[in-house]
Protein backbone atom coordinates (compact mmCIF):
# COMPACT_ATOMS: atom_id res chain seq x y z
CA MET A 1 -38.39 -34.44 -42.63
CA ARG A 2 -35.47 -34.85 -40.26
CA ARG A 3 -34.18 -31.40 -41.18
CA GLY A 4 -37.64 -29.96 -40.48
CA ASN A 5 -37.78 -31.62 -37.08
CA MET A 6 -34.39 -30.18 -36.16
CA ASP A 7 -35.41 -26.71 -37.28
CA ARG A 8 -38.55 -26.84 -35.17
CA ARG A 9 -36.51 -27.96 -32.15
CA VAL A 10 -34.03 -25.14 -32.58
CA ARG A 11 -36.84 -22.58 -33.03
CA SER A 12 -38.57 -23.88 -29.90
CA LEU A 13 -35.35 -23.64 -27.92
CA THR A 14 -34.75 -20.11 -29.18
CA VAL A 15 -38.27 -18.97 -28.26
CA VAL A 16 -38.05 -20.50 -24.79
CA ALA A 17 -34.57 -19.09 -24.10
CA GLY A 18 -35.53 -15.67 -25.45
CA GLY A 19 -38.64 -15.51 -23.30
CA LEU A 20 -36.80 -16.59 -20.20
CA SER A 21 -33.99 -14.08 -20.85
CA ALA A 22 -36.46 -11.24 -21.20
CA GLY A 23 -38.15 -12.24 -17.99
CA VAL A 24 -34.83 -12.54 -16.22
CA LEU A 25 -33.75 -9.04 -17.29
CA MET A 26 -37.04 -7.61 -16.02
CA VAL A 27 -36.76 -9.33 -12.65
CA LEU A 28 -33.06 -8.50 -12.20
CA ALA A 29 -33.96 -4.82 -12.24
CA GLY A 30 -35.88 -5.38 -9.01
CA CYS A 31 -34.82 -5.66 -5.40
CA THR A 32 -31.40 -6.48 -3.96
CA VAL A 33 -31.23 -8.10 -0.54
CA GLY A 34 -29.18 -6.66 2.29
CA PRO A 35 -28.43 -3.07 3.37
CA ASN A 36 -27.24 -0.46 0.89
CA TYR A 37 -23.87 1.00 1.85
CA GLN A 38 -23.64 4.56 3.12
CA GLU A 39 -20.28 6.17 3.82
CA PRO A 40 -19.92 6.85 7.56
CA THR A 41 -20.19 10.46 8.70
CA ILE A 42 -17.20 11.80 10.62
CA ASN A 43 -17.42 15.01 12.62
CA ALA A 44 -13.99 16.41 11.77
CA PRO A 45 -12.62 19.53 13.51
CA GLU A 46 -12.86 22.75 11.51
CA LYS A 47 -9.11 23.44 11.78
CA TRP A 48 -5.88 22.15 13.24
CA ILE A 49 -5.15 23.34 16.77
CA ASP A 50 -1.41 23.84 16.37
CA ALA A 51 -1.24 24.61 12.67
CA GLN A 52 -0.35 28.31 13.04
CA GLY A 53 0.99 29.29 9.60
CA GLU A 54 0.86 25.74 8.29
CA ALA A 55 -2.92 25.50 7.75
CA LYS A 56 -4.94 26.68 4.81
CA LYS A 57 -7.41 25.29 2.31
CA THR A 58 -5.60 22.78 0.14
CA SER A 59 -5.48 23.93 -3.49
CA GLU A 60 -4.91 21.71 -6.50
CA ALA A 61 -1.32 22.95 -6.76
CA ALA A 62 -0.75 22.24 -3.07
CA SER A 63 -2.16 18.73 -3.49
CA THR A 64 0.29 18.13 -6.32
CA ALA A 65 3.15 19.44 -4.16
CA LEU A 66 2.08 17.07 -1.38
CA SER A 67 2.37 14.19 -3.84
CA THR A 68 6.10 14.90 -4.19
CA TRP A 69 6.66 16.65 -0.86
CA TRP A 70 10.30 15.56 -0.53
CA LYS A 71 11.24 17.97 -3.32
CA GLN A 72 10.70 20.79 -0.81
CA LEU A 73 13.86 19.54 0.90
CA ASN A 74 15.84 20.75 -2.15
CA ASP A 75 18.24 17.81 -2.21
CA ALA A 76 19.09 16.35 -5.61
CA GLN A 77 20.72 13.28 -4.06
CA LEU A 78 17.57 12.56 -2.06
CA ASP A 79 15.54 12.83 -5.27
CA LYS A 80 17.82 10.18 -6.83
CA VAL A 81 17.48 7.80 -3.91
CA MET A 82 13.71 8.33 -3.82
CA ASP A 83 13.46 7.54 -7.52
CA LEU A 84 15.39 4.32 -6.98
CA ALA A 85 13.09 3.32 -4.14
CA LEU A 86 9.95 4.01 -6.15
CA ARG A 87 11.28 1.79 -8.91
CA GLY A 88 12.78 -1.09 -6.97
CA ASN A 89 11.26 -1.32 -3.48
CA LEU A 90 10.12 -4.87 -2.79
CA ASP A 91 7.27 -3.95 -0.44
CA LEU A 92 5.78 -1.84 -3.22
CA LYS A 93 6.10 -4.71 -5.69
CA LEU A 94 4.44 -7.00 -3.16
CA ALA A 95 1.54 -4.55 -2.80
CA GLU A 96 1.15 -4.39 -6.57
CA ALA A 97 1.06 -8.19 -6.78
CA ARG A 98 -1.66 -8.15 -4.11
CA VAL A 99 -3.70 -5.69 -6.18
CA LYS A 100 -3.29 -7.93 -9.21
CA GLN A 101 -4.56 -10.91 -7.23
CA VAL A 102 -7.62 -9.09 -5.86
CA ARG A 103 -8.43 -7.68 -9.30
CA ALA A 104 -8.53 -11.22 -10.68
CA LEU A 105 -10.86 -12.26 -7.83
CA ARG A 106 -13.11 -9.29 -8.67
CA GLN A 107 -13.31 -10.43 -12.28
CA GLY A 108 -14.11 -13.94 -11.13
CA ALA A 109 -16.95 -12.66 -8.92
CA ALA A 110 -18.42 -10.67 -11.79
CA SER A 111 -18.53 -13.80 -13.96
CA GLY A 112 -21.20 -15.16 -11.62
CA LEU A 113 -23.69 -12.78 -13.24
CA LEU A 114 -23.30 -14.52 -16.60
CA PRO A 115 -24.19 -18.01 -17.80
CA THR A 116 -21.57 -20.74 -18.01
CA ILE A 117 -21.31 -22.99 -21.06
CA ASP A 118 -19.51 -26.33 -21.09
CA ALA A 119 -18.66 -28.39 -24.16
CA THR A 120 -19.07 -32.14 -23.71
CA SER A 121 -18.31 -35.23 -25.74
CA GLY A 122 -17.96 -38.90 -25.01
CA TYR A 123 -18.10 -42.51 -26.10
CA GLN A 124 -19.39 -45.60 -24.30
CA ARG A 125 -19.71 -49.25 -25.15
CA ARG A 126 -22.90 -50.24 -23.33
CA GLU A 127 -25.04 -53.28 -22.65
CA ASP A 128 -28.17 -52.72 -20.62
CA SER A 129 -29.35 -54.99 -17.86
CA PRO A 130 -32.13 -57.40 -18.87
CA ASN A 131 -34.19 -55.90 -16.05
CA VAL A 132 -33.90 -52.36 -17.46
CA GLY A 133 -35.18 -50.93 -20.65
CA ALA A 134 -38.15 -53.21 -21.33
CA GLY A 135 -41.39 -51.31 -20.81
CA LEU A 136 -44.90 -52.62 -20.52
CA GLY A 137 -45.57 -51.76 -24.12
CA ASN A 138 -42.57 -53.57 -25.50
CA ALA A 139 -42.98 -56.87 -27.23
CA GLY A 140 -40.27 -58.47 -25.22
CA GLY A 141 -41.88 -57.57 -21.87
CA PHE A 142 -39.81 -57.59 -18.69
CA GLY A 143 -36.56 -59.47 -18.59
CA ARG A 144 -35.59 -58.92 -22.24
CA SER A 145 -31.82 -58.84 -22.51
CA GLY A 146 -30.50 -55.91 -24.51
CA ASP A 147 -27.72 -56.18 -27.04
CA ALA A 148 -24.38 -54.40 -26.59
CA TYR A 149 -24.18 -51.13 -28.50
CA ASN A 150 -22.06 -48.01 -28.98
CA SER A 151 -23.07 -44.60 -27.66
CA TRP A 152 -21.47 -41.47 -29.16
CA SER A 153 -22.34 -38.05 -27.82
CA ALA A 154 -21.33 -34.39 -28.21
CA GLY A 155 -22.94 -31.14 -27.24
CA PHE A 156 -23.09 -28.08 -25.01
CA GLU A 157 -24.50 -27.57 -21.53
CA SER A 158 -25.32 -24.19 -20.02
CA SER A 159 -26.19 -23.04 -16.51
CA TRP A 160 -27.21 -19.59 -15.32
CA GLU A 161 -28.16 -18.61 -11.78
CA LEU A 162 -30.94 -16.05 -12.09
CA ASP A 163 -29.99 -13.45 -9.51
CA PHE A 164 -33.57 -12.49 -8.61
CA PHE A 165 -32.68 -11.32 -5.10
CA GLY A 166 -29.25 -9.78 -5.73
CA ARG A 167 -27.10 -12.29 -3.84
CA VAL A 168 -24.58 -12.53 -6.68
CA ARG A 169 -24.60 -8.77 -7.25
CA ARG A 170 -23.81 -8.21 -3.58
CA GLY A 171 -20.90 -10.59 -3.99
CA VAL A 172 -19.61 -8.48 -6.87
CA GLU A 173 -19.97 -5.35 -4.70
CA ALA A 174 -17.92 -7.03 -1.97
CA ALA A 175 -15.21 -8.00 -4.44
CA GLU A 176 -15.14 -4.46 -5.82
CA GLY A 177 -14.71 -3.07 -2.31
CA ASP A 178 -11.86 -5.52 -1.68
CA LEU A 179 -10.17 -4.39 -4.89
CA GLN A 180 -10.44 -0.72 -4.03
CA SER A 181 -9.18 -1.42 -0.51
CA ALA A 182 -6.15 -3.27 -1.90
CA GLU A 183 -5.40 -0.38 -4.26
CA PHE A 184 -5.46 2.08 -1.38
CA GLU A 185 -3.27 -0.27 0.68
CA ALA A 186 -0.72 -0.15 -2.14
CA ARG A 187 -0.85 3.64 -2.07
CA ASP A 188 -0.37 3.57 1.68
CA VAL A 189 2.78 1.51 1.11
CA LEU A 190 3.90 4.34 -1.17
CA VAL A 191 3.25 6.91 1.56
CA VAL A 192 5.18 4.90 4.14
CA LEU A 193 7.99 4.19 1.68
CA THR A 194 8.62 7.82 0.76
CA GLY A 195 8.62 8.72 4.44
CA GLU A 196 11.07 5.95 5.33
CA VAL A 197 13.45 6.82 2.51
CA ALA A 198 13.48 10.53 3.42
CA ARG A 199 13.79 9.78 7.15
CA ASN A 200 16.76 7.45 6.68
CA TYR A 201 18.39 9.91 4.29
CA ALA A 202 17.99 12.75 6.79
CA GLU A 203 19.38 10.51 9.52
CA LEU A 204 22.36 9.67 7.29
CA ARG A 205 23.15 13.33 6.63
CA THR A 206 22.63 14.22 10.29
CA ASN A 207 25.13 11.61 11.47
CA GLN A 208 27.57 12.63 8.76
CA GLN A 209 27.39 16.25 9.92
CA ARG A 210 27.76 15.19 13.55
CA LEU A 211 30.81 13.18 12.52
CA GLU A 212 32.25 16.21 10.71
CA ILE A 213 31.71 18.37 13.78
CA THR A 214 33.28 15.72 15.99
CA LEU A 215 36.35 15.57 13.75
CA GLY A 216 36.54 19.38 13.69
CA ASN A 217 36.35 19.60 17.45
CA LEU A 218 38.90 16.80 17.76
CA LYS A 219 41.33 18.81 15.64
CA THR A 220 40.79 21.90 17.80
CA GLN A 221 41.24 19.89 20.99
CA GLU A 222 44.40 18.29 19.64
CA GLU A 223 45.77 21.77 18.99
CA THR A 224 44.89 22.71 22.57
CA LEU A 225 46.68 19.56 23.76
CA ALA A 226 49.76 20.61 21.84
CA LEU A 227 49.50 24.10 23.35
CA SER A 228 49.26 22.71 26.88
CA LYS A 229 52.30 20.49 26.23
CA SER A 230 54.37 23.44 24.98
CA ARG A 231 53.43 25.50 28.00
CA PHE A 232 54.22 22.57 30.29
CA ASP A 233 57.60 22.09 28.62
CA ALA A 234 58.26 25.80 29.11
CA GLY A 235 57.42 25.49 32.77
CA LEU A 236 54.44 27.81 32.49
CA THR A 237 51.85 25.28 33.66
CA SER A 238 51.52 21.95 35.42
CA GLU A 239 51.20 18.48 33.91
CA LEU A 240 47.57 18.49 35.05
CA ASP A 241 46.65 20.71 32.08
CA VAL A 242 48.24 18.23 29.69
CA VAL A 243 46.47 15.24 31.22
CA ARG A 244 43.11 16.96 31.21
CA ALA A 245 43.58 18.10 27.61
CA ARG A 246 44.43 14.53 26.58
CA ALA A 247 41.33 13.20 28.36
CA ASN A 248 39.25 15.76 26.51
CA VAL A 249 40.75 14.66 23.19
CA GLU A 250 40.17 10.95 23.81
CA THR A 251 36.61 11.54 25.01
CA THR A 252 35.79 13.30 21.76
CA ARG A 253 37.61 10.65 19.73
CA SER A 254 35.52 7.91 21.37
CA ALA A 255 32.35 9.31 19.76
CA ILE A 256 33.68 8.74 16.22
CA PRO A 257 33.22 4.91 15.85
CA SER A 258 29.55 4.97 16.88
CA LEU A 259 28.82 7.80 14.43
CA GLN A 260 30.62 5.94 11.64
CA SER A 261 28.53 2.85 12.39
CA ALA A 262 25.33 4.90 12.31
CA VAL A 263 26.32 6.39 8.95
CA ARG A 264 26.97 2.99 7.44
CA ALA A 265 23.74 1.53 8.90
CA SER A 266 21.70 4.32 7.27
CA ILE A 267 23.30 3.61 3.89
CA HIS A 268 22.52 -0.08 4.29
CA ARG A 269 18.87 0.64 5.11
CA LEU A 270 18.57 2.90 2.08
CA GLY A 271 19.97 0.09 -0.05
CA LEU A 272 17.27 -2.23 1.27
CA LEU A 273 14.55 0.37 0.66
CA THR A 274 15.66 0.69 -2.96
CA GLY A 275 15.50 -3.08 -3.44
CA GLN A 276 19.27 -3.50 -3.70
CA ALA A 277 22.14 -5.05 -1.76
CA PRO A 278 23.11 -3.22 1.47
CA GLY A 279 26.34 -1.84 -0.02
CA ALA A 280 24.89 -0.72 -3.34
CA LEU A 281 24.78 2.96 -2.37
CA ILE A 282 28.00 3.25 -0.38
CA SER A 283 30.00 4.91 -3.15
CA GLU A 284 27.24 7.45 -3.81
CA LEU A 285 26.35 8.37 -0.24
CA SER A 286 29.58 8.06 1.71
CA THR A 287 30.61 11.64 0.89
CA PRO A 288 29.15 13.86 3.64
CA GLY A 289 26.27 16.07 2.58
CA MET A 290 24.22 18.76 4.21
CA ILE A 291 21.14 17.92 6.24
CA PRO A 292 18.11 18.56 3.99
CA THR A 293 16.29 21.72 5.02
CA PRO A 294 12.56 22.25 4.30
CA SER A 295 11.69 25.33 2.29
CA GLY A 296 8.47 27.27 2.80
CA THR A 297 5.48 26.09 4.79
CA VAL A 298 3.53 22.85 4.71
CA ASP A 299 -0.01 23.14 3.36
CA ALA A 300 -1.78 21.12 6.06
CA GLY A 301 -5.24 21.93 4.73
CA VAL A 302 -8.20 21.25 7.00
CA PRO A 303 -8.95 18.06 8.96
CA SER A 304 -11.89 16.99 6.79
CA GLU A 305 -9.58 16.71 3.76
CA LEU A 306 -7.52 14.11 5.58
CA LEU A 307 -10.29 11.52 5.11
CA LYS A 308 -9.71 11.59 1.34
CA ARG A 309 -5.98 12.27 1.44
CA ARG A 310 -4.89 9.37 3.67
CA PRO A 311 -4.94 6.08 1.70
CA ASP A 312 -4.94 3.98 4.88
CA LEU A 313 -8.23 5.59 5.95
CA ARG A 314 -9.73 5.12 2.50
CA SER A 315 -8.65 1.48 2.51
CA ILE A 316 -10.53 0.80 5.76
CA GLU A 317 -13.60 2.68 4.48
CA ARG A 318 -13.60 0.45 1.37
CA GLN A 319 -13.33 -2.61 3.61
CA LEU A 320 -16.46 -1.40 5.36
CA ALA A 321 -18.24 -1.11 2.00
CA ALA A 322 -17.17 -4.64 1.08
CA GLN A 323 -18.33 -6.06 4.41
CA THR A 324 -21.69 -4.31 4.11
CA ALA A 325 -22.17 -6.06 0.77
CA ARG A 326 -21.34 -9.39 2.39
CA ILE A 327 -24.31 -8.92 4.69
CA GLY A 328 -26.40 -8.95 1.52
CA VAL A 329 -24.67 -12.10 0.31
CA ALA A 330 -25.51 -13.83 3.58
CA THR A 331 -29.10 -12.53 3.46
CA GLY A 332 -29.48 -13.96 -0.03
CA ASP A 333 -29.24 -17.46 1.40
CA LEU A 334 -32.68 -16.94 2.94
CA TYR A 335 -34.21 -16.93 -0.53
CA PRO A 336 -34.45 -19.62 -3.18
CA ARG A 337 -31.78 -19.96 -5.86
CA ILE A 338 -33.24 -20.29 -9.32
CA THR A 339 -31.00 -21.67 -12.03
CA LEU A 340 -31.78 -21.81 -15.72
CA GLY A 341 -30.20 -24.83 -17.33
CA GLY A 342 -30.07 -25.94 -20.91
CA SER A 343 -28.31 -28.35 -23.20
CA VAL A 344 -28.11 -29.09 -26.89
CA GLY A 345 -26.19 -31.92 -28.46
CA TRP A 346 -26.06 -34.99 -30.58
CA ASN A 347 -26.40 -38.67 -29.58
CA ALA A 348 -26.02 -41.68 -31.84
CA SER A 349 -24.88 -45.29 -31.79
CA LYS A 350 -22.64 -44.72 -34.79
CA ILE A 351 -20.15 -41.91 -35.12
CA ALA A 352 -20.99 -41.59 -38.82
CA THR A 353 -24.55 -40.51 -37.95
CA LEU A 354 -23.65 -38.44 -34.84
CA PHE A 355 -24.24 -35.09 -36.48
CA ASP A 356 -27.34 -36.08 -38.48
CA ALA A 357 -30.47 -34.02 -37.87
CA SER A 358 -32.17 -36.99 -36.24
CA SER A 359 -29.37 -37.20 -33.64
CA VAL A 360 -30.12 -33.77 -32.17
CA THR A 361 -31.24 -33.62 -28.57
CA TYR A 362 -31.89 -30.61 -26.36
CA GLY A 363 -33.41 -29.60 -23.08
CA VAL A 364 -34.05 -26.34 -21.24
CA GLY A 365 -35.72 -25.41 -18.00
CA PRO A 366 -35.32 -23.89 -14.56
CA SER A 367 -34.39 -25.55 -11.30
CA VAL A 368 -34.98 -24.27 -7.78
CA SER A 369 -33.12 -24.97 -4.54
CA TRP A 370 -34.18 -23.47 -1.25
CA ASN A 371 -32.83 -24.18 2.19
CA ILE A 372 -35.99 -24.02 4.26
CA PHE A 373 -34.68 -25.57 7.48
CA ASP A 374 -31.11 -25.19 8.75
CA TYR A 375 -31.45 -24.71 12.51
CA GLY A 376 -30.73 -20.98 12.25
CA ARG A 377 -27.39 -21.29 10.42
CA ILE A 378 -28.23 -18.67 7.78
CA ARG A 379 -29.55 -16.09 10.23
CA SER A 380 -26.55 -16.64 12.48
CA ASN A 381 -24.29 -15.97 9.52
CA ILE A 382 -26.19 -12.74 8.75
CA THR A 383 -25.71 -11.61 12.34
CA ALA A 384 -22.01 -12.50 12.20
CA GLN A 385 -21.49 -10.53 8.98
CA GLY A 386 -23.26 -7.54 10.50
CA ALA A 387 -21.05 -7.71 13.60
CA ALA A 388 -17.98 -7.84 11.36
CA ALA A 389 -19.17 -4.64 9.66
CA GLU A 390 -19.60 -2.99 13.06
CA GLN A 391 -16.02 -3.89 13.95
CA ILE A 392 -14.69 -2.33 10.75
CA LEU A 393 -16.73 0.81 11.40
CA VAL A 394 -15.23 1.16 14.88
CA ARG A 395 -11.77 0.51 13.47
CA TYR A 396 -12.35 3.20 10.85
CA GLU A 397 -13.47 5.76 13.43
CA ARG A 398 -10.49 4.92 15.63
CA ALA A 399 -8.10 5.22 12.66
CA VAL A 400 -9.54 8.63 11.77
CA LEU A 401 -9.06 9.92 15.31
CA SER A 402 -5.53 8.52 15.38
CA ALA A 403 -4.79 10.27 12.09
CA PHE A 404 -6.00 13.58 13.52
CA VAL A 405 -3.71 13.06 16.54
CA GLU A 406 -0.75 12.23 14.28
CA VAL A 407 -1.15 15.45 12.32
CA GLU A 408 -1.62 17.59 15.43
CA ASN A 409 1.47 16.08 17.07
CA ALA A 410 3.51 16.48 13.90
CA LEU A 411 2.46 20.12 13.54
CA VAL A 412 3.38 21.09 17.10
CA SER A 413 6.65 19.13 17.00
CA TYR A 414 7.70 20.65 13.68
CA THR A 415 6.88 24.19 14.81
CA ASN A 416 8.56 23.92 18.21
CA GLU A 417 11.68 22.23 16.90
CA LYS A 418 12.25 25.11 14.48
CA VAL A 419 12.14 27.48 17.46
CA ARG A 420 14.61 25.29 19.35
CA ARG A 421 16.92 25.20 16.34
CA GLY A 422 16.99 28.99 16.27
CA SER A 423 18.05 29.16 19.90
CA LEU A 424 20.76 26.57 19.35
CA LYS A 425 22.15 28.55 16.44
CA ASP A 426 22.54 31.59 18.69
CA ALA A 427 24.09 29.40 21.39
CA VAL A 428 26.66 27.97 18.93
CA THR A 429 27.62 31.47 17.83
CA ALA A 430 28.22 32.41 21.47
CA GLY A 431 30.08 29.14 22.09
CA LEU A 432 32.49 29.79 19.22
CA ARG A 433 33.28 33.21 20.64
CA SER A 434 33.75 31.69 24.08
CA VAL A 435 36.37 29.24 22.78
CA GLU A 436 38.21 32.00 20.96
CA LEU A 437 38.34 34.27 24.03
CA SER A 438 39.26 31.56 26.55
CA THR A 439 42.01 30.20 24.31
CA GLU A 440 43.48 33.66 23.74
CA LEU A 441 43.37 34.48 27.45
CA TYR A 442 45.00 31.13 28.27
CA LYS A 443 47.81 31.84 25.85
CA GLN A 444 48.37 35.16 27.63
CA GLY A 445 48.24 33.51 31.04
CA LEU A 446 45.17 35.52 32.04
CA THR A 447 42.92 32.52 32.77
CA ASP A 448 43.36 28.92 33.81
CA PHE A 449 42.97 25.85 31.63
CA ASN A 450 39.54 25.03 33.08
CA ALA A 451 38.00 27.91 31.13
CA VAL A 452 39.40 26.56 27.86
CA LEU A 453 38.23 23.00 28.51
CA ASP A 454 34.79 24.09 29.62
CA ALA A 455 34.39 26.32 26.55
CA GLN A 456 35.47 23.54 24.16
CA ARG A 457 33.24 20.95 25.78
CA GLN A 458 30.29 23.32 25.75
CA LEU A 459 30.88 24.21 22.11
CA PHE A 460 31.07 20.55 21.09
CA LEU A 461 27.81 19.78 22.88
CA LEU A 462 26.08 22.82 21.37
CA GLN A 463 27.26 22.06 17.85
CA ASP A 464 26.22 18.42 18.17
CA SER A 465 22.84 19.46 19.57
CA LEU A 466 22.38 21.90 16.69
CA MET A 467 23.06 19.18 14.11
CA GLN A 468 20.66 16.86 15.88
CA SER A 469 18.06 19.63 15.91
CA GLU A 470 18.59 20.21 12.18
CA GLY A 471 17.98 16.52 11.65
CA THR A 472 14.93 16.59 13.92
CA VAL A 473 13.43 19.49 11.96
CA ALA A 474 13.85 17.48 8.77
CA ALA A 475 12.44 14.35 10.46
CA ASN A 476 9.43 16.26 11.82
CA PHE A 477 8.82 17.75 8.38
CA ILE A 478 8.87 14.23 6.96
CA THR A 479 6.55 12.94 9.71
CA LEU A 480 4.11 15.79 9.07
CA ASN A 481 3.91 15.10 5.34
CA THR A 482 3.50 11.39 5.97
CA ALA A 483 0.71 12.08 8.49
CA LEU A 484 -1.00 14.25 5.88
CA GLY A 485 -0.91 11.35 3.40
CA GLY A 486 1.75 12.81 1.14
CA GLY A 487 3.63 10.74 -1.40
CA TRP A 488 0.89 9.71 -3.85
CA ASP A 489 -1.26 11.42 -6.43
CA PRO A 490 -5.02 10.81 -6.02
CA GLN A 491 -5.49 11.55 -9.73
CA GLY A 492 -2.71 9.31 -11.05
CA ASP A 493 -1.45 5.76 -11.18
CA LEU A 494 0.42 4.12 -8.35
CA ARG A 495 3.87 5.12 -9.62
CA SER A 496 3.61 7.46 -12.59
CA ALA A 497 2.78 10.63 -10.66
CA VAL A 498 5.80 10.50 -8.39
CA ILE A 499 8.46 8.57 -10.28
CA GLN A 500 10.89 10.20 -12.67
CA PRO A 501 11.53 8.61 -16.11
CA ALA A 502 14.58 6.36 -16.09
CA GLN A 503 17.54 7.87 -17.94
CA PRO A 504 19.23 5.58 -20.46
CA LYS A 505 22.61 4.34 -19.31
CA GLU A 506 25.41 5.64 -21.48
CA LYS A 507 28.18 3.37 -22.66
CA GLY A 508 30.88 3.08 -20.05
CA ASP A 509 28.74 4.62 -17.33
CA GLN A 510 29.28 2.63 -14.12
CA SER A 511 27.03 4.77 -11.91
CA TRP A 512 24.18 3.30 -9.93
CA GLN A 513 21.13 2.20 -11.87
CA PRO A 514 17.55 1.59 -10.72
CA ALA A 515 16.20 -1.90 -10.40
CA GLY A 516 13.56 -3.19 -12.79
CA VAL A 517 10.13 -1.62 -12.73
CA VAL A 518 6.93 -3.54 -12.18
CA PRO A 519 4.11 -1.85 -14.16
CA GLY A 520 1.84 0.23 -11.94
CA THR A 521 -1.81 -0.44 -11.42
CA LYS A 522 -4.26 1.41 -13.60
CA GLY A 523 -7.35 3.28 -12.59
CA GLU A 524 -8.44 5.09 -9.47
CA PRO A 525 -11.39 3.85 -7.42
CA THR A 526 -14.24 6.27 -7.13
CA ALA A 527 -14.42 7.85 -3.69
CA LYS A 528 -17.72 7.83 -1.93
């Protein structure tokens, strides 16, 4: 009989739970409070103003090239340093940890759509008050003192908020938007990182070349000093030529320490960017190298493509989506919260009979809570969430316009600096010839020493300006690719599309090695 009673209880619980679940599923397919998100419309220009030969419709191959744009600089050493940075940079690892955190929060928000089940158990030694427990129908009447007894219990309790109005679902939408925004923020770190590595590398090579030119000019000026001394000793010229030649030598020599400091500072910054000690790359990068020179043209595409290409813009747009969902979460507080609760367990005074059929107890049923009077707190919160969304929208529009300006400025700077570099090359060629002619004429006594000094000074300035222009061309190329959102693959993982596989270290190899790799994030958020 006891087994039959338990079976009937279980069947009743099953029928009730099944009916409620079916009803819940039907209702959950209904309305969702709050506004539905729509991606903002941006009126982008049809083309770049100063693109000239740098603008065309971005193809799939061009998009892939933009993902690893630094390879267009044709510098194997830069590729090595970039690979180290992509593996070991601490800012990138920090961004990945942030994505991991937000992903866990997204999973936690999604769990709100499902019921929670808690297991419970307990024991109490009880003795009821003589004023409690004696009903009107009891023989003892009021005031009967109860005996002390044991109470053993075990069971399960479940709770499920029935999301009739979509408040919980809007919360999941907000968490999903936060996750996608964090993923794009990590990709923006990648864009900034590749730009910083390339920019510091170009600066390093520029200063090394300027140092080489300074040393070369110093050698030439020292030879001129020796020539002026020999002519002075021979009585062919005055001591003034010697003094002026020495001043010219020492002026050039004074530029060397600052250039050496700049070279070392660039190496230190590259060490930091690769996640290593400042001196980790000294042995590899101290040997002077050529300034990286861009090959071909940059596929700038069209302005409208920038909205999908720039991860910082996509991150803000996803923040807007998340905030729009939070308006729905706040709106959900206007409506009642309906929770389905249930429990099943066993209760007995003796542990030996705890799991007998007669010890079974259960309960199931809904509960409703509804804040019907709060002095306008809920509606004020809805207004506040809406205003926050408006702020993000304005910030997004401002960021888009700023991105357009960045690309336009980078295009015109890159184009004009290449023209300037060409003129400086011609000027250096003429300056070299001027030094040769003035020196030869001075040796023959056909011109004074001023012509030689002026020609050498002018040549030094022109050569230094040319090297700086070479570095500026490289820097402007880097700035342009960064402004276009280069350095990440929209179709790939955070690292895998741009990082090269680590080569195993051979026995006895003491060359530099990349720092440990933190696994990249998986999956790409769907663009609106």
